[in-house]
Each structure stands twice: as structure tokens, then as C-alpha cells.
Amino acid sequence: MHNEAIERLTACGIKPSAQRISIMEYLLKHRTHPTVDMIYNDLVPTMPTLSRTTIYNTLKLLEEHNAIIELRIDKKTAHYDGDTLPHSHFQCKSCGKIIDVQMQGLLNEQYETEFVIEETEINYRGYCKSCLEKAKKTNN
């Protein structure tokens, strides 16, 4: 993961630093769409000088250089995704878990000559299988 993080930073024109590498590495390793607080709480034990401000600034830089995706799926808190390939997201309304959903080609090919698409954001909300099973057990 360490080399992959450095390669991603370099490919996106970002100068690697210890903090940037650690944050990028974390996002590549943890496909849980973490928040700033989650990243901070997980990294600060091994990087005691790390601050939330450094994380915010690093995430902003990574997002501006297309090294990561910032998600605003829950409308309250930003989540971050190290997977920059086109995909959608599903968020469970009960547990809040965010899950990657692979996209099929949604746009009709006739539009390819009409405009150039640089970003697509499709989010789904509902209830995950685990929460539905818990609800069934509670109701029985």
C-alpha cells in the first residue's frame, strides 16, 4: 500500500510527505468511506503530531488533484473514497454504512457528441441486508 500511495500522489502531481502518504495509504486500504474524524482517530496513535487541520488540508489537496473523491452522500458529514474509478454509492438509512455500487453505462450513447462528461454522482439510499435482517428478527 505504501508504494501505491506514493505512486497515486506522484501521478496526481502531489509532492509526497509523511502525512500525505499516510492519509492516501489509509484511504486506499480502508474502503469504508471514512470521515475526517475516523481518519484522525485511526492515524493519531502512530502519528501523534497529526492534527485534524492537516487531515482537512490534505484531503482538500487530494480531492483538488483528483487523487480521491469527496462524498456528500449523507448531507451532514463529508466522507472520502480512495477509489476514483466511476462508481456509485449506497448508504443505509439505518446503520449509515456506505457501500460501493458498480455502475452500468447509464447515459445513452447518442449524447456522446452533445457534451463531455467529467463527473457523475449517483447515490442510493435505503436499507442494507444486515439492517433488514435485524428488523425482521425484532418484528418476529
C-alpha atoms as a PDB file:
ATOM      1  CA  MET A   1       0.000   0.000   0.000  1.00  0.00           C
ATOM      2  CA  HIS A   2       2.846   2.372   0.811  1.00  0.00           C
ATOM      3  CA  ASN A   3       4.207   2.325  -2.744  1.00  0.00           C
ATOM      4  CA  GLU A   4       0.719   2.537  -4.224  1.00  0.00           C
ATOM      5  CA  ALA A   5       0.026   5.654  -2.129  1.00  0.00           C
ATOM      6  CA  ILE A   6       3.268   7.299  -3.285  1.00  0.00           C
ATOM      7  CA  GLU A   7       2.519   6.384  -6.905  1.00  0.00           C
ATOM      8  CA  ARG A   8      -1.006   7.850  -6.677  1.00  0.00           C
ATOM      9  CA  LEU A   9       0.275  11.088  -5.152  1.00  0.00           C
ATOM     10  CA  THR A  10       3.038  11.441  -7.721  1.00  0.00           C
ATOM     11  CA  ALA A  11       0.737  10.600 -10.646  1.00  0.00           C
ATOM     12  CA  CYS A  12      -1.655  13.304  -9.469  1.00  0.00           C
ATOM     13  CA  GLY A  13       1.120  15.888  -9.217  1.00  0.00           C
ATOM     14  CA  ILE A  14       1.249  15.927  -5.413  1.00  0.00           C
ATOM     15  CA  LYS A  15       4.583  16.006  -3.599  1.00  0.00           C
ATOM     16  CA  PRO A  16       4.626  13.077  -1.150  1.00  0.00           C
ATOM     17  CA  SER A  17       5.111  13.890   2.534  1.00  0.00           C
ATOM     18  CA  ALA A  18       4.784  11.574   5.522  1.00  0.00           C
ATOM     19  CA  GLN A  19       1.288  12.862   6.326  1.00  0.00           C
ATOM     20  CA  ARG A  20       0.083  12.769   2.715  1.00  0.00           C
ATOM     21  CA  ILE A  21       1.402   9.240   2.223  1.00  0.00           C
ATOM     22  CA  SER A  22      -0.238   8.024   5.443  1.00  0.00           C
ATOM     23  CA  ILE A  23      -3.606   9.576   4.587  1.00  0.00           C
ATOM     24  CA  MET A  24      -3.536   8.321   0.987  1.00  0.00           C
ATOM     25  CA  GLU A  25      -2.457   4.876   2.173  1.00  0.00           C
ATOM     26  CA  TYR A  26      -5.313   4.867   4.703  1.00  0.00           C
ATOM     27  CA  LEU A  27      -7.885   5.712   2.010  1.00  0.00           C
ATOM     28  CA  LEU A  28      -6.559   3.038  -0.323  1.00  0.00           C
ATOM     29  CA  LYS A  29      -6.608   0.438   2.437  1.00  0.00           C
ATOM     30  CA  HIS A  30      -9.912   1.351   4.125  1.00  0.00           C
ATOM     31  CA  ARG A  31     -12.744   1.164   1.598  1.00  0.00           C
ATOM     32  CA  THR A  32     -15.196   2.252   4.296  1.00  0.00           C
ATOM     33  CA  HIS A  33     -15.593   5.850   3.062  1.00  0.00           C
ATOM     34  CA  PRO A  34     -14.164   7.343   6.266  1.00  0.00           C
ATOM     35  CA  THR A  35     -14.735  10.819   7.682  1.00  0.00           C
ATOM     36  CA  VAL A  36     -12.012  13.192   8.890  1.00  0.00           C
ATOM     37  CA  ASP A  37     -12.639  12.063  12.470  1.00  0.00           C
ATOM     38  CA  MET A  38     -12.331   8.390  11.534  1.00  0.00           C
ATOM     39  CA  ILE A  39      -9.042   9.026   9.742  1.00  0.00           C
ATOM     40  CA  TYR A  40      -7.741  11.124  12.634  1.00  0.00           C
ATOM     41  CA  ASN A  41      -8.712   8.580  15.306  1.00  0.00           C
ATOM     42  CA  ASP A  42      -7.081   5.734  13.383  1.00  0.00           C
ATOM     43  CA  LEU A  43      -3.856   7.543  12.452  1.00  0.00           C
ATOM     44  CA  VAL A  44      -3.087   9.672  15.527  1.00  0.00           C
ATOM     45  CA  PRO A  45      -1.858   6.727  17.681  1.00  0.00           C
ATOM     46  CA  THR A  46       1.020   6.190  15.233  1.00  0.00           C
ATOM     47  CA  MET A  47       1.356   9.866  14.273  1.00  0.00           C
ATOM     48  CA  PRO A  48       0.842  11.848  17.500  1.00  0.00           C
ATOM     49  CA  THR A  49       1.693  15.188  15.868  1.00  0.00           C
ATOM     50  CA  LEU A  50      -1.050  14.760  13.249  1.00  0.00           C
ATOM     51  CA  SER A  51      -3.838  17.325  13.527  1.00  0.00           C
ATOM     52  CA  ARG A  52      -7.357  17.437  12.136  1.00  0.00           C
ATOM     53  CA  THR A  53      -6.357  20.594  10.262  1.00  0.00           C
ATOM     54  CA  THR A  54      -3.581  18.680   8.488  1.00  0.00           C
ATOM     55  CA  ILE A  55      -6.079  15.979   7.558  1.00  0.00           C
ATOM     56  CA  TYR A  56      -8.619  18.514   6.255  1.00  0.00           C
ATOM     57  CA  ASN A  57      -5.961  20.323   4.224  1.00  0.00           C
ATOM     58  CA  THR A  58      -4.503  17.079   2.854  1.00  0.00           C
ATOM     59  CA  LEU A  59      -7.933  15.732   1.868  1.00  0.00           C
ATOM     60  CA  LYS A  60      -8.748  19.019   0.135  1.00  0.00           C
ATOM     61  CA  LEU A  61      -5.466  18.851  -1.793  1.00  0.00           C
ATOM     62  CA  LEU A  62      -6.031  15.193  -2.733  1.00  0.00           C
ATOM     63  CA  GLU A  63      -9.565  15.940  -3.907  1.00  0.00           C
ATOM     64  CA  GLU A  64      -8.482  19.001  -5.925  1.00  0.00           C
ATOM     65  CA  HIS A  65      -5.896  16.842  -7.725  1.00  0.00           C
ATOM     66  CA  ASN A  66      -8.391  14.009  -8.368  1.00  0.00           C
ATOM     67  CA  ALA A  67      -6.477  11.572  -6.179  1.00  0.00           C
ATOM     68  CA  ILE A  68      -9.613  10.864  -4.106  1.00  0.00           C
ATOM     69  CA  ILE A  69     -13.348  11.569  -4.184  1.00  0.00           C
ATOM     70  CA  GLU A  70     -15.172  13.591  -1.544  1.00  0.00           C
ATOM     71  CA  LEU A  71     -18.652  12.217  -0.897  1.00  0.00           C
ATOM     72  CA  ARG A  72     -21.507  14.304   0.478  1.00  0.00           C
ATOM     73  CA  ILE A  73     -23.942  11.400   0.475  1.00  0.00           C
ATOM     74  CA  ASP A  74     -25.313  11.908   3.992  1.00  0.00           C
ATOM     75  CA  LYS A  75     -25.606  15.716   3.694  1.00  0.00           C
ATOM     76  CA  LYS A  76     -24.076  16.224   7.168  1.00  0.00           C
ATOM     77  CA  THR A  77     -20.543  14.894   7.001  1.00  0.00           C
ATOM     78  CA  ALA A  78     -18.047  14.533   4.187  1.00  0.00           C
ATOM     79  CA  HIS A  79     -16.766  11.025   3.543  1.00  0.00           C
ATOM     80  CA  TYR A  80     -13.724  10.193   1.445  1.00  0.00           C
ATOM     81  CA  ASP A  81     -13.118   7.499  -1.147  1.00  0.00           C
ATOM     82  CA  GLY A  82      -9.741   6.399  -2.478  1.00  0.00           C
ATOM     83  CA  ASP A  83     -11.412   4.650  -5.424  1.00  0.00           C
ATOM     84  CA  THR A  84     -11.564   7.233  -8.205  1.00  0.00           C
ATOM     85  CA  LEU A  85     -12.906   4.876 -10.867  1.00  0.00           C
ATOM     86  CA  PRO A  86     -16.525   5.580 -11.862  1.00  0.00           C
ATOM     87  CA  HIS A  87     -18.943   4.013  -9.385  1.00  0.00           C
ATOM     88  CA  SER A  88     -21.985   4.893  -7.307  1.00  0.00           C
ATOM     89  CA  HIS A  89     -22.692   4.653  -3.604  1.00  0.00           C
ATOM     90  CA  PHE A  90     -25.435   3.195  -1.432  1.00  0.00           C
ATOM     91  CA  GLN A  91     -25.996   4.448   2.119  1.00  0.00           C
ATOM     92  CA  CYS A  92     -28.058   2.516   4.640  1.00  0.00           C
ATOM     93  CA  LYS A  93     -30.612   4.754   6.351  1.00  0.00           C
ATOM     94  CA  SER A  94     -30.372   2.645   9.488  1.00  0.00           C
ATOM     95  CA  CYS A  95     -26.666   1.981  10.170  1.00  0.00           C
ATOM     96  CA  GLY A  96     -25.195   4.697   7.920  1.00  0.00           C
ATOM     97  CA  LYS A  97     -22.811   2.300   6.167  1.00  0.00           C
ATOM     98  CA  ILE A  98     -21.729   3.433   2.687  1.00  0.00           C
ATOM     99  CA  ILE A  99     -21.206   0.719   0.088  1.00  0.00           C
ATOM    100  CA  ASP A 100     -19.701   0.989  -3.405  1.00  0.00           C
ATOM    101  CA  VAL A 101     -22.105   0.126  -6.223  1.00  0.00           C
ATOM    102  CA  GLN A 102     -20.685  -0.570  -9.657  1.00  0.00           C
ATOM    103  CA  MET A 103     -22.338   1.475 -12.397  1.00  0.00           C
ATOM    104  CA  GLN A 104     -23.515   0.191 -15.696  1.00  0.00           C
ATOM    105  CA  GLY A 105     -23.442   2.596 -18.644  1.00  0.00           C
ATOM    106  CA  LEU A 106     -26.343   4.861 -17.777  1.00  0.00           C
ATOM    107  CA  LEU A 107     -26.033   7.512 -20.439  1.00  0.00           C
ATOM    108  CA  ASN A 108     -27.361   6.821 -23.893  1.00  0.00           C
ATOM    109  CA  GLU A 109     -24.561   6.821 -26.485  1.00  0.00           C
ATOM    110  CA  GLN A 110     -26.441   9.384 -28.580  1.00  0.00           C
ATOM    111  CA  TYR A 111     -25.304  12.064 -26.131  1.00  0.00           C
ATOM    112  CA  GLU A 112     -21.589  11.394 -26.610  1.00  0.00           C
ATOM    113  CA  THR A 113     -21.399  14.029 -29.335  1.00  0.00           C
ATOM    114  CA  GLU A 114     -23.528  16.509 -27.360  1.00  0.00           C
ATOM    115  CA  PHE A 115     -21.287  17.019 -24.337  1.00  0.00           C
ATOM    116  CA  VAL A 116     -18.280  15.702 -22.440  1.00  0.00           C
ATOM    117  CA  ILE A 117     -18.955  14.187 -19.027  1.00  0.00           C
ATOM    118  CA  GLU A 118     -16.219  14.721 -16.481  1.00  0.00           C
ATOM    119  CA  GLU A 119     -18.098  13.760 -13.304  1.00  0.00           C
ATOM    120  CA  THR A 120     -21.018  11.568 -12.395  1.00  0.00           C
ATOM    121  CA  GLU A 121     -22.551  11.220  -8.957  1.00  0.00           C
ATOM    122  CA  ILE A 122     -25.333   8.746  -8.337  1.00  0.00           C
ATOM    123  CA  ASN A 123     -26.211   7.866  -4.759  1.00  0.00           C
ATOM    124  CA  TYR A 124     -28.751   5.405  -3.464  1.00  0.00           C
ATOM    125  CA  ARG A 125     -30.313   5.316  -0.003  1.00  0.00           C
ATOM    126  CA  GLY A 126     -32.270   2.545   1.609  1.00  0.00           C
ATOM    127  CA  TYR A 127     -31.636  -0.344   3.986  1.00  0.00           C
ATOM    128  CA  CYS A 128     -28.756  -2.795   3.825  1.00  0.00           C
ATOM    129  CA  LYS A 129     -29.285  -6.550   4.066  1.00  0.00           C
ATOM    130  CA  SER A 130     -27.908  -6.680   7.604  1.00  0.00           C
ATOM    131  CA  CYS A 131     -30.287  -3.996   8.904  1.00  0.00           C
ATOM    132  CA  LEU A 132     -33.245  -5.612   7.141  1.00  0.00           C
ATOM    133  CA  GLU A 133     -32.419  -8.956   8.794  1.00  0.00           C
ATOM    134  CA  LYS A 134     -32.150  -7.286  12.206  1.00  0.00           C
ATOM    135  CA  ALA A 135     -35.532  -5.615  11.653  1.00  0.00           C
ATOM    136  CA  LYS A 136     -37.118  -8.981  10.731  1.00  0.00           C
ATOM    137  CA  LYS A 137     -35.762 -10.577  13.928  1.00  0.00           C
ATOM    138  CA  THR A 138     -37.073  -7.690  16.021  1.00  0.00           C
ATOM    139  CA  ASN A 139     -40.537  -7.910  14.465  1.00  0.00           C
ATOM    140  CA  ASN A 140     -40.813 -11.684  14.948  1.00  0.00           C
END
